[in-house]
Protein backbone atom coordinates (compact mmCIF):
# COMPACT_ATOMS: atom_id res chain seq x y z
CA MET A 1 24.76 7.50 20.64
CA ASN A 2 24.67 7.06 16.86
CA ILE A 3 23.33 9.60 14.39
CA GLN A 4 19.91 8.07 13.73
CA LYS A 5 19.06 7.56 17.40
CA GLU A 6 20.16 11.10 18.26
CA ILE A 7 17.97 12.54 15.49
CA ALA A 8 15.04 10.34 16.55
CA ASN A 9 15.33 11.53 20.17
CA LEU A 10 15.44 15.18 19.14
CA ILE A 11 12.46 14.85 16.78
CA THR A 12 10.29 13.05 19.35
CA GLU A 13 11.03 15.82 21.86
CA ILE A 14 9.86 18.48 19.40
CA PHE A 15 6.90 16.65 17.85
CA LYS A 16 5.00 14.87 20.61
CA ASP A 17 2.96 12.78 18.17
CA ALA A 18 6.07 11.52 16.34
CA GLN A 19 6.26 7.76 15.83
CA VAL A 20 9.65 6.28 14.95
CA LYS A 21 8.97 3.66 12.24
CA LYS A 22 12.50 2.55 11.44
CA VAL A 23 15.85 3.34 13.04
CA ASP A 24 19.31 1.78 12.53
CA VAL A 25 18.05 -0.73 9.96
CA ASP A 26 19.61 0.93 6.90
CA ASN A 27 20.64 4.44 5.82
CA PHE A 28 17.13 5.81 6.31
CA LEU A 29 15.55 6.92 9.60
CA ASP A 30 11.76 7.08 9.12
CA ILE A 31 9.45 8.99 11.50
CA HIS A 32 5.68 9.16 11.04
CA LEU A 33 4.15 12.56 11.90
CA PRO A 34 0.36 12.11 11.92
CA GLY A 35 -0.09 15.84 12.50
CA ILE A 36 1.45 16.48 9.09
CA HIS A 37 -0.18 13.64 7.19
CA SER A 38 -2.32 10.95 8.77
CA ALA A 39 -1.60 8.13 6.30
CA LYS A 40 0.54 5.53 8.08
CA GLY A 41 2.92 5.26 5.16
CA SER A 42 3.84 8.95 5.16
CA HIS A 43 6.96 9.89 7.10
CA LEU A 44 9.73 12.39 7.65
CA TYR A 45 12.95 10.68 6.56
CA PHE A 46 16.63 11.30 7.20
CA ASN A 47 19.20 9.77 4.82
CA THR A 48 22.36 9.25 6.88
CA ALA A 49 24.55 7.61 4.23
CA LYS A 50 28.24 8.44 3.94
CA ASP A 51 28.41 10.39 7.24
CA THR A 52 26.11 13.11 5.91
CA ILE A 53 22.44 13.85 6.52
CA LYS A 54 19.71 14.71 4.02
CA LEU A 55 16.00 14.91 4.74
CA GLY A 56 12.61 14.90 3.11
CA PHE A 57 8.98 13.93 3.55
CA TYR A 58 7.74 10.73 1.95
CA CYS A 59 4.11 10.88 0.83
CA ARG A 60 2.07 9.42 -2.05
CA ASP A 61 -0.83 11.86 -1.72
CA VAL A 62 -0.54 13.75 -5.01
CA GLU A 63 -3.09 16.39 -3.99
CA PHE A 64 -1.26 17.05 -0.72
CA ILE A 65 2.07 17.46 -2.51
CA GLU A 66 0.64 19.75 -5.18
CA GLU A 67 -0.95 22.03 -2.56
CA VAL A 68 2.32 22.24 -0.62
CA MET A 69 4.25 23.04 -3.80
CA ALA A 70 1.74 25.70 -4.80
CA LYS A 71 2.16 27.60 -1.53
CA SER A 72 5.84 27.18 -0.65
CA SER A 73 8.89 28.32 -2.60
CA SER A 74 11.38 26.65 -0.22
CA ILE A 75 10.27 23.08 -0.97
CA GLU A 76 10.82 20.95 -4.05
CA LYS A 77 9.06 17.87 -5.37
CA VAL A 78 10.87 14.54 -5.77
CA SER A 79 9.74 11.11 -6.97
CA ASN A 80 8.71 9.92 -3.51
CA GLY A 81 7.40 13.14 -1.95
CA ILE A 82 8.96 16.51 -1.12
CA ARG A 83 12.18 17.83 0.38
CA PRO A 84 13.85 21.18 1.22
CA LEU A 85 14.85 23.18 -1.85
CA SER A 86 18.24 22.16 -3.34
CA ASN A 87 18.46 19.08 -1.08
CA PRO A 88 20.84 20.57 1.53
CA VAL A 89 23.43 18.36 3.23
CA PHE A 90 24.17 18.43 6.97
CA THR A 91 27.02 16.97 8.95
CA ASN A 92 25.57 16.85 12.46
CA PRO A 93 22.19 15.83 13.89
CA LYS A 94 21.33 19.16 15.53
CA ASP A 95 21.65 21.12 12.29
CA ALA A 96 19.60 18.51 10.46
CA VAL A 97 16.84 18.65 13.08
CA GLU A 98 16.75 22.46 12.96
CA ALA A 99 16.35 22.21 9.19
CA ALA A 100 13.60 19.62 9.70
CA LYS A 101 11.74 22.00 12.05
CA SER A 102 11.87 24.72 9.41
CA PHE A 103 10.87 22.25 6.69
CA ILE A 104 7.85 21.01 8.67
CA SER A 105 6.89 24.58 9.55
CA ASN A 106 6.86 25.44 5.85
CA ILE A 107 4.62 22.44 5.14
CA GLN A 108 2.23 23.40 7.93
CA GLY A 109 2.33 27.02 6.86
CA SER A 110 0.93 25.95 3.53
CA GLY A 111 -2.38 25.32 5.27
CA ILE A 112 -2.65 21.74 4.02
CA ILE A 113 -5.24 19.43 5.57
CA THR A 114 -4.05 15.82 5.53
CA LYS A 115 -6.11 12.86 4.38
CA ILE A 116 -5.97 9.12 4.67
CA LYS A 117 -5.91 7.26 1.39
CA THR A 118 -8.74 4.81 0.87
CA GLY A 119 -8.52 1.41 -0.73
CA ASP A 120 -10.43 2.78 -3.73
CA GLU A 121 -7.64 5.12 -4.79
CA ASP A 122 -5.02 4.17 -7.33
CA VAL A 123 -1.67 3.40 -5.73
CA PRO A 124 1.20 4.09 -8.12
CA ASN A 125 4.65 2.59 -7.68
CA SER A 126 7.85 2.14 -9.59
CA ILE A 127 7.10 -1.38 -10.80
CA GLU A 128 3.40 -2.03 -11.04
CA ASP A 129 0.09 -1.52 -9.23
CA ASP A 130 -0.79 -5.09 -8.38
CA GLY A 131 -4.00 -4.30 -6.54
CA ASN A 132 -2.49 -5.13 -3.15
CA GLU A 133 -5.06 -4.61 -0.41
CA ASP A 134 -2.51 -2.92 1.82
CA ASP A 135 -1.95 0.46 0.19
CA GLU A 136 1.04 1.09 2.45
CA MET A 137 3.01 -1.69 0.75
CA GLY A 138 4.79 -1.06 -2.51
CA PHE A 139 8.05 -1.15 -4.42
CA PRO A 140 11.28 0.89 -4.30
CA MET A 141 12.14 3.50 -6.91
CA ILE A 142 15.26 2.14 -8.65
CA SER A 143 17.32 4.34 -10.96
CA ILE A 144 18.20 2.29 -14.03
CA PRO A 145 21.31 3.08 -16.15
CA GLY A 146 20.51 4.28 -19.67
CA GLU A 147 21.27 2.34 -22.84
CA LYS A 148 24.67 4.04 -23.05
CA PHE A 149 25.74 2.21 -19.88
CA LEU A 150 23.58 -0.92 -19.92
CA ASP A 151 23.13 -2.89 -23.12
CA ILE A 152 20.24 -5.21 -22.29
CA PRO A 153 16.82 -5.51 -23.96
CA LYS A 154 14.20 -3.64 -21.97
CA ASP A 155 11.87 -6.63 -21.80
CA GLN A 156 14.62 -8.77 -20.24
CA LEU A 157 15.53 -6.08 -17.70
CA SER A 158 11.87 -5.55 -16.85
CA ALA A 159 11.35 -9.31 -16.41
CA TYR A 160 14.37 -9.49 -14.07
CA VAL A 161 13.25 -6.58 -11.88
CA HIS A 162 9.66 -7.85 -11.70
CA LYS A 163 10.63 -11.44 -10.93
CA TRP A 164 12.89 -10.65 -7.99
CA GLN A 165 10.88 -8.05 -6.08
CA ALA A 166 7.88 -8.06 -3.76
CA PRO A 167 5.89 -5.25 -2.13
CA SER A 168 6.93 -4.17 1.37
CA HIS A 169 6.45 -1.41 3.91
CA MET A 170 10.17 -0.80 4.32
CA PHE A 171 10.92 -0.22 0.64
CA ASN A 172 7.56 1.22 -0.37
CA TRP A 173 8.44 3.99 -2.85
CA ARG A 174 11.92 4.18 -1.35
CA GLY A 175 13.94 6.56 -3.50
CA GLY A 176 17.65 7.18 -3.99
CA ILE A 177 18.44 3.58 -4.99
CA SER A 178 20.92 3.02 -7.84
CA GLY A 179 20.37 -0.11 -9.91
CA CYS A 180 23.82 -1.57 -10.52
CA PHE A 181 23.12 -4.07 -13.26
CA ALA A 182 25.00 -5.72 -16.12
CA GLU A 183 23.90 -7.53 -19.27
CA TRP A 184 24.23 -10.91 -17.56
CA VAL A 185 21.47 -10.21 -14.98
CA SER A 186 19.15 -11.66 -17.63
CA TYR A 187 20.51 -15.08 -16.54
CA PHE A 188 18.33 -14.70 -13.46
CA ASN A 189 15.28 -14.94 -15.74
CA ASP A 190 16.33 -18.50 -16.60
CA THR A 191 14.57 -21.05 -14.40
CA ASP A 192 17.48 -23.48 -14.80
CA PHE A 193 19.92 -21.03 -13.24
CA ALA A 194 17.57 -19.15 -10.92
CA PRO A 195 14.20 -20.76 -10.28
CA ILE A 196 11.82 -19.18 -7.77
CA LEU A 197 12.23 -21.61 -4.88
CA ASN A 198 9.55 -22.18 -2.28
CA GLU A 199 10.33 -22.24 1.44
CA SER A 200 10.34 -26.03 1.60
CA GLN A 201 12.86 -26.26 -1.24
CA VAL A 202 15.18 -23.74 0.40
CA GLU A 203 14.91 -25.64 3.69
CA SER A 204 15.86 -28.87 1.89
CA ILE A 205 18.88 -27.24 0.26
CA ALA A 206 19.99 -25.71 3.57
CA ASN A 207 19.60 -28.99 5.46
CA ASN A 208 21.44 -30.98 2.77
CA LEU A 209 24.34 -28.54 2.69
CA ARG A 210 24.64 -28.60 6.49
CA GLU A 211 24.33 -32.37 6.77
CA HIS A 212 27.03 -33.01 4.17
CA LYS A 213 29.04 -29.91 5.10
CA ALA A 214 28.96 -29.05 1.41
CA ILE A 215 29.61 -25.92 -0.59
CA PRO A 216 27.94 -25.73 -4.01
CA ILE A 217 29.67 -24.71 -7.22
CA LEU A 218 27.24 -23.35 -9.83
CA LEU A 219 28.48 -24.57 -13.21
CA ASN A 220 25.77 -22.70 -15.13
CA ALA A 221 26.59 -19.24 -13.73
CA PRO A 222 27.02 -16.48 -16.33
CA ALA A 223 30.26 -16.91 -18.30
CA GLU A 224 31.22 -13.29 -17.56
CA VAL A 225 30.99 -13.99 -13.85
CA ILE A 226 32.88 -17.29 -13.99
CA MET A 227 35.64 -15.51 -15.89
CA GLU A 228 36.13 -13.15 -12.94
CA LEU A 229 35.24 -15.29 -9.93
CA LYS A 230 36.23 -18.72 -11.31
CA HIS A 231 34.03 -20.89 -9.05
CA VAL A 232 30.70 -19.30 -8.17
CA TRP A 233 29.41 -20.78 -4.91
CA TRP A 234 26.06 -19.02 -4.77
CA ALA A 235 24.13 -16.13 -6.31
CA VAL A 236 21.30 -14.01 -4.92
CA PRO A 237 19.35 -12.50 -7.84
CA LEU A 238 18.58 -9.08 -6.33
CA CYS A 239 19.51 -7.43 -3.04
CA PHE A 240 19.20 -3.96 -1.57
CA TRP A 241 22.16 -2.72 0.44
CA ASN A 242 23.11 0.82 1.37
CA GLU A 243 21.68 2.71 -1.63
CA ILE A 244 22.34 -0.02 -4.18
CA ALA A 245 20.14 -2.63 -5.87
CA SER A 246 22.19 -5.45 -7.38
CA PRO A 247 22.77 -9.21 -7.48
CA ILE A 248 25.08 -10.71 -4.85
CA LEU A 249 27.53 -13.54 -5.59
CA ILE A 250 30.03 -15.43 -3.48
CA ASN A 251 33.16 -17.50 -4.06
CA LYS A 252 36.02 -18.74 -1.90
CA ASN A 253 37.29 -15.22 -1.31
CA GLY A 254 34.11 -13.49 -0.18
CA ILE A 255 31.03 -11.57 -1.27
CA PHE A 256 30.84 -9.73 -4.59
CA SER A 257 28.34 -7.40 -6.19
CA LEU A 258 27.89 -5.16 -9.19
CA TYR A 259 28.88 -1.73 -7.93
CA THR A 260 30.21 1.69 -8.85
CA GLU A 261 31.03 4.92 -7.06
CA ASN A 262 30.27 6.83 -10.25
CA PHE A 263 26.71 5.76 -11.10
CA PRO A 264 25.65 5.05 -13.81
CA GLU A 265 29.18 4.74 -15.19
CA ASP A 266 31.84 2.12 -14.45
CA ILE A 267 29.53 -0.54 -13.02
CA GLY A 268 31.49 -3.74 -12.49
CA LEU A 269 31.79 -6.83 -10.32
CA THR A 270 33.39 -5.66 -7.08
CA ALA A 271 34.48 -7.35 -3.85
CA ILE A 272 32.18 -6.14 -1.07
CA ALA A 273 33.56 -8.20 1.81
CA GLY A 274 36.34 -10.76 2.24
CA TRP A 275 35.55 -13.80 4.37
CA ASP A 276 38.51 -13.13 6.65
CA ASP A 277 37.20 -9.62 7.38
CA ILE A 278 33.87 -10.95 8.64
CA LYS A 279 33.23 -11.88 12.27
CA GLU A 280 29.66 -13.14 11.96
CA VAL A 281 26.95 -13.73 9.35
CA SER A 282 23.30 -13.90 10.41
CA PHE A 283 20.06 -14.30 8.47
CA GLU A 284 16.63 -13.12 9.59
CA ARG A 285 13.11 -13.12 8.22
CA MET A 286 11.92 -9.71 9.28
CA GLY A 287 8.32 -10.83 9.71
CA SER A 288 9.34 -13.51 12.21
CA GLY A 289 8.56 -11.30 15.21
CA SER A 290 12.12 -11.19 16.57
CA SER A 291 13.20 -8.13 14.60
CA GLY A 292 10.51 -5.70 15.66
CA PHE A 293 9.18 -5.63 12.10
CA ASP A 294 6.23 -7.99 12.43
CA ASP A 295 4.53 -6.50 9.36
CA GLU A 296 7.55 -7.01 7.09
CA GLY A 297 6.88 -10.60 6.04
CA ASN A 298 8.24 -9.98 2.55
CA VAL A 299 11.66 -8.76 3.71
CA ASN A 300 14.66 -10.94 4.51
CA CYS A 301 17.91 -9.57 5.93
CA LEU A 302 21.46 -10.92 5.94
CA THR A 303 23.78 -9.04 8.31
CA LEU A 304 27.56 -9.09 8.08
CA GLU A 305 29.38 -8.13 11.27
CA TYR A 306 32.98 -7.15 10.57
CA GLU A 307 36.04 -7.80 12.71
CA ASN A 308 36.54 -4.01 12.95
CA GLY A 309 33.12 -3.51 14.56
CA GLY A 310 31.24 -2.36 11.44
CA SER A 311 28.31 -4.09 9.82
CA LEU A 312 26.46 -4.33 6.50
CA ASP A 313 22.87 -5.39 5.82
CA PHE A 314 21.61 -7.02 2.62
CA PHE A 315 17.83 -7.01 2.10
CA GLU A 316 15.90 -9.41 -0.13
CA LEU A 317 12.24 -9.00 -1.12
CA VAL A 318 10.16 -12.18 -1.46
CA ARG A 319 6.46 -12.91 -1.84
CA ARG A 320 5.72 -14.70 1.41
CA ASP A 321 2.03 -15.05 0.56
CA GLN A 322 3.15 -17.22 -2.36
CA ASN A 323 5.47 -19.28 -0.14
CA GLN A 324 8.58 -17.89 -1.87
CA GLY A 325 11.83 -18.98 -0.27
CA SER A 326 15.08 -17.09 0.25
CA TYR A 327 18.29 -17.24 -1.77
CA LEU A 328 19.92 -14.98 0.81
CA GLU A 329 19.50 -17.58 3.56
CA ILE A 330 21.91 -20.00 1.86
CA ILE A 331 24.83 -17.58 2.30
CA GLU A 332 24.54 -18.02 6.07
CA VAL A 333 24.62 -21.81 5.60
CA ILE A 334 27.73 -21.67 3.39
CA TRP A 335 29.42 -19.34 5.90
CA GLY A 336 28.77 -21.89 8.65
CA ASN A 337 30.22 -24.72 6.57
CA ARG A 338 33.30 -22.66 5.71
CA TYR A 339 33.80 -21.02 9.13
CA LYS A 340 36.56 -23.27 10.54
CA THR A 341 38.59 -23.02 7.34
CA ILE A 342 38.31 -19.22 7.40
CA GLN A 343 39.52 -19.10 11.00
CA GLN A 344 42.41 -21.48 10.43
CA SER A 345 43.50 -19.62 7.28
CA LYS A 346 43.87 -16.19 8.90
CA GLY A 347 47.37 -14.85 8.48
CA LEU A 348 48.21 -17.38 5.77
CA PRO A 349 48.98 -16.43 2.15
CA MET A 350 46.29 -18.81 0.84
CA TRP A 351 43.24 -20.69 2.05
CA LYS A 352 43.87 -23.83 4.11
CA GLU A 353 41.37 -25.71 1.97
CA GLY A 354 39.32 -28.34 3.76
CA ALA A 355 40.63 -27.51 7.23
CA GLY A 356 37.05 -27.33 8.42
CA GLY A 357 36.08 -30.61 6.76
CA GLU A 358 33.90 -29.02 4.08
CA GLY A 359 33.57 -30.45 0.59
CA TYR A 360 32.33 -29.24 -2.79
CA ILE A 361 29.42 -30.28 -4.94
CA LYS A 362 29.22 -29.16 -8.57
CA VAL A 363 25.73 -28.73 -10.03
CA GLU A 364 24.37 -27.77 -13.43
CA GLU A 365 21.12 -26.52 -11.88
CA ILE A 366 20.38 -25.19 -8.39
CA ILE A 367 17.34 -27.46 -8.16
CA GLN A 368 19.72 -30.47 -7.99
CA LEU A 369 20.73 -29.40 -4.48
CA ILE A 370 17.28 -30.43 -3.21
CA ASN A 371 17.94 -34.10 -4.01
CA PRO A 372 20.01 -35.91 -1.32
CA ASP A 373 21.44 -38.24 -3.99
CA THR A 374 23.29 -35.26 -5.52
CA TYR A 375 25.68 -35.24 -2.56
CA GLU A 376 27.06 -38.68 -3.38
CA ASP A 377 29.42 -36.84 -5.74
CA ILE A 378 30.81 -34.47 -3.10
CA SER A 379 34.57 -33.98 -3.26
CA ARG A 380 36.80 -33.00 -0.33
CA PRO A 381 40.38 -31.71 -0.41
CA GLU A 382 42.96 -34.45 0.10
CA GLY A 383 44.22 -34.84 3.65
CA PHE A 384 40.99 -33.75 5.31
C-alpha cells in the first residue's frame, strides 16, 4: 500500500465523517472533515513529496483561522490556511497521522464553530476574484522569483499567468508551488506563437497530425529555447507538476521544462523525461467522468508511465466554459506518431529517424496546423 492510501485509511478510521477528496493524483492527499469545518473546500492535507510527509488544514474562512490562531500556540498561519507550528516533517504514515490527531485536537480545543461560506462573501485568491459562482473553485498560490532572479516586466508576467490559468477545485488556493519561469515566457502572450485554441481547433490539429503522421517544428519558438533544444516540436504554456508551475516543451529527445532544485535560484531549461525512458503517455480531461473527478472540467492531465514503473503527471488548467482547448493533448498525439521510432531506436547511439514512418512539418504559427493544406509540405527522412 502506498503512503497516501495508508494515511487515508488511518484517518477515515479515526474520523468517521472523513471524506477523501483526492488521493494518488499528485503530491497532496486531501481529506474533508466536516466536523472541523463544514465548507466543502476545506480539508486536511498531507504533502507527500520527496518521500516525506507534511500536513496542514486548508481553509479560506479568515474568521475561523483568526480564532484558531488566537487560542492555540501550537499552530501557525500560512497562505492557504493553518498548519502545525514549525511545519514538522515525518517519514512514515503512522507518525504523520498521530501528529494530525494532535493538530485536529488543538483546532477543536480552540472552541471554533465552523461556518459555510455564502455566495455573498468575497472569495480571495492568488490571481483574481472573477466572481465565479462556485466559491470552491479558485487558483493556486504560485511563488514567483524576485527581480534578482527573473528579469521580466511585471505586466508581462502577470499577463502570462492570467492567460494560462483557470479556476478549479483541485488547485483552489493550492500552496507550495514554485513558479519556474524565465524571461522568454512572455512569448506565450503572443497570439502568433501561442493563441488560445478552442476545442475544435485542437481536434483539427490532432486529427491532421495523426492522419499525416506528422510532427510539427515550431519555427517561431523563443530564440533562447531554440538555441538549447534546436527543433522545438511543441510547447505547453503552463503546467503544474509535482510542486512546480512552468512551461513544458518537447523535441526529439524528450520533455523539457524550466526547473531548479534551488528555487528561486538557478532556474533553467532541464530535461524532465527522455522518450526512451517512457513506456506510455496518456491524456485525460478530468471532467470527462472516467477519472472520478467529474467536477474538474477545467483540469487536463497528461500522465507519463516510465519503463521503471514510476509515473509523472502534468496538469493544465483551461476554461472549459469558454470552449478552451488543450495544448497538453498534442503531446500524446506526437508520442503516438513517434512511438515506433522510439522503440526501434532503443539501444542505438542515435535516433533511427523515420523508422516509424513519421514526417516533419515546419510552421511559422501554430494556427497553420489547423489547415490540411499545410501538410503538403511535410518532409520525411530518406529511405522511409
